[in-house]
Amino acid sequence: MSKLIHSGLVRVRKNKVFWCCIICAVILTVAVCINQYSIKRNFNATIVFDKLFLSFAVLTGCMLAIFSSLFLGTEYSDGTVRNKLIVGHSRYSIYLANFLCCVASGLFFDLICILTISIIGIPMFGFFKNSPLIVAMLAGMGLLLTILYAALFTMMSMVITSRSVNGILCLLLVVVGTIVAGILLARLQEPEFISGIVISADGTQHMDGWSNPLYLKPEVRAIYELFMDILPFGQGLMIVDGAVMHPFRMALFSILESVLFTMIGIWLFEKKDLR
């Protein structure tokens, strides 16, 4: 399998989609930093560098969805998978080698995003607001999430033969998953009480507060948090927002889901009829 991994990494290094994803990641991170700095200057807003630094947890998912579907889809269109089987490689080895290549690519995307944001963002926004230990823990969870992204998109790319269909499905999954996770996170961030200005009958104004009907009860909140810890895109948004409530549980879900997606992918790939 080492030969498969080595040849796969060589193909990654020479792959145009890989370098296009890196260029897009750099452009997007620079654009985000400039946009946030513009908001800071024009509206005197407080921009926390921590969120920008951890934004790779969301961005890498998008990059891997594009890269995995096109890179691994070429294995089918070029007949590479069939050729590997002919020369004696097992399906298990082929799948794992491709998965590890996607993991390596995803971690490299992470590194590029972190370096770009650090070089541009620190002069603009200063250093971390939270403890470096907390940021390091969140960044570590982001790296685990990258492995989960790789496991998910490798499974889809090795099971779905058509590059175009798989690419559309991967991107659709990212968009829908992020929207759903955003809705869940917005509900979790609803305040318990709402305050505002109340005008009395005689025209006087005073501040008053009342219960927020959208605030989640403890048992419902626990379910929402569980879904956010399970959903890969929910994990990404919570890491970026620094709103991780159960870090060890989230990390455990990342590991378990990575193993689960890989096992399902291997099983489906073993059953797949390669023509």
Foldseek 3Di string as FASTA:
>chain_A
DVVLLVVLLVCLVVDPLLVVLLVVLLVVLVVVLVVVLVCCVPVVDADFLLLSLLLLLLSLLLSLLQCLLVSLLVCQVVVVVVVCVVVPDDLLVNLVSSLVSSLVSSVVSNVSSNVSCCVRVCVRRNDGPDDPVLSVLLVVLSSLLSSLSSLQLSLLNLQDNDSVVSSVVSNVCSVVLLVVLVVLVVLQPDDQKDKDWDQDPVGDIDIDIDGDPSHDDPVVSVVSLVVLLQRSSSSSVCSSVVNNPDSVSSSVNSVVSSVVSNVVSSVSSNVDDRD
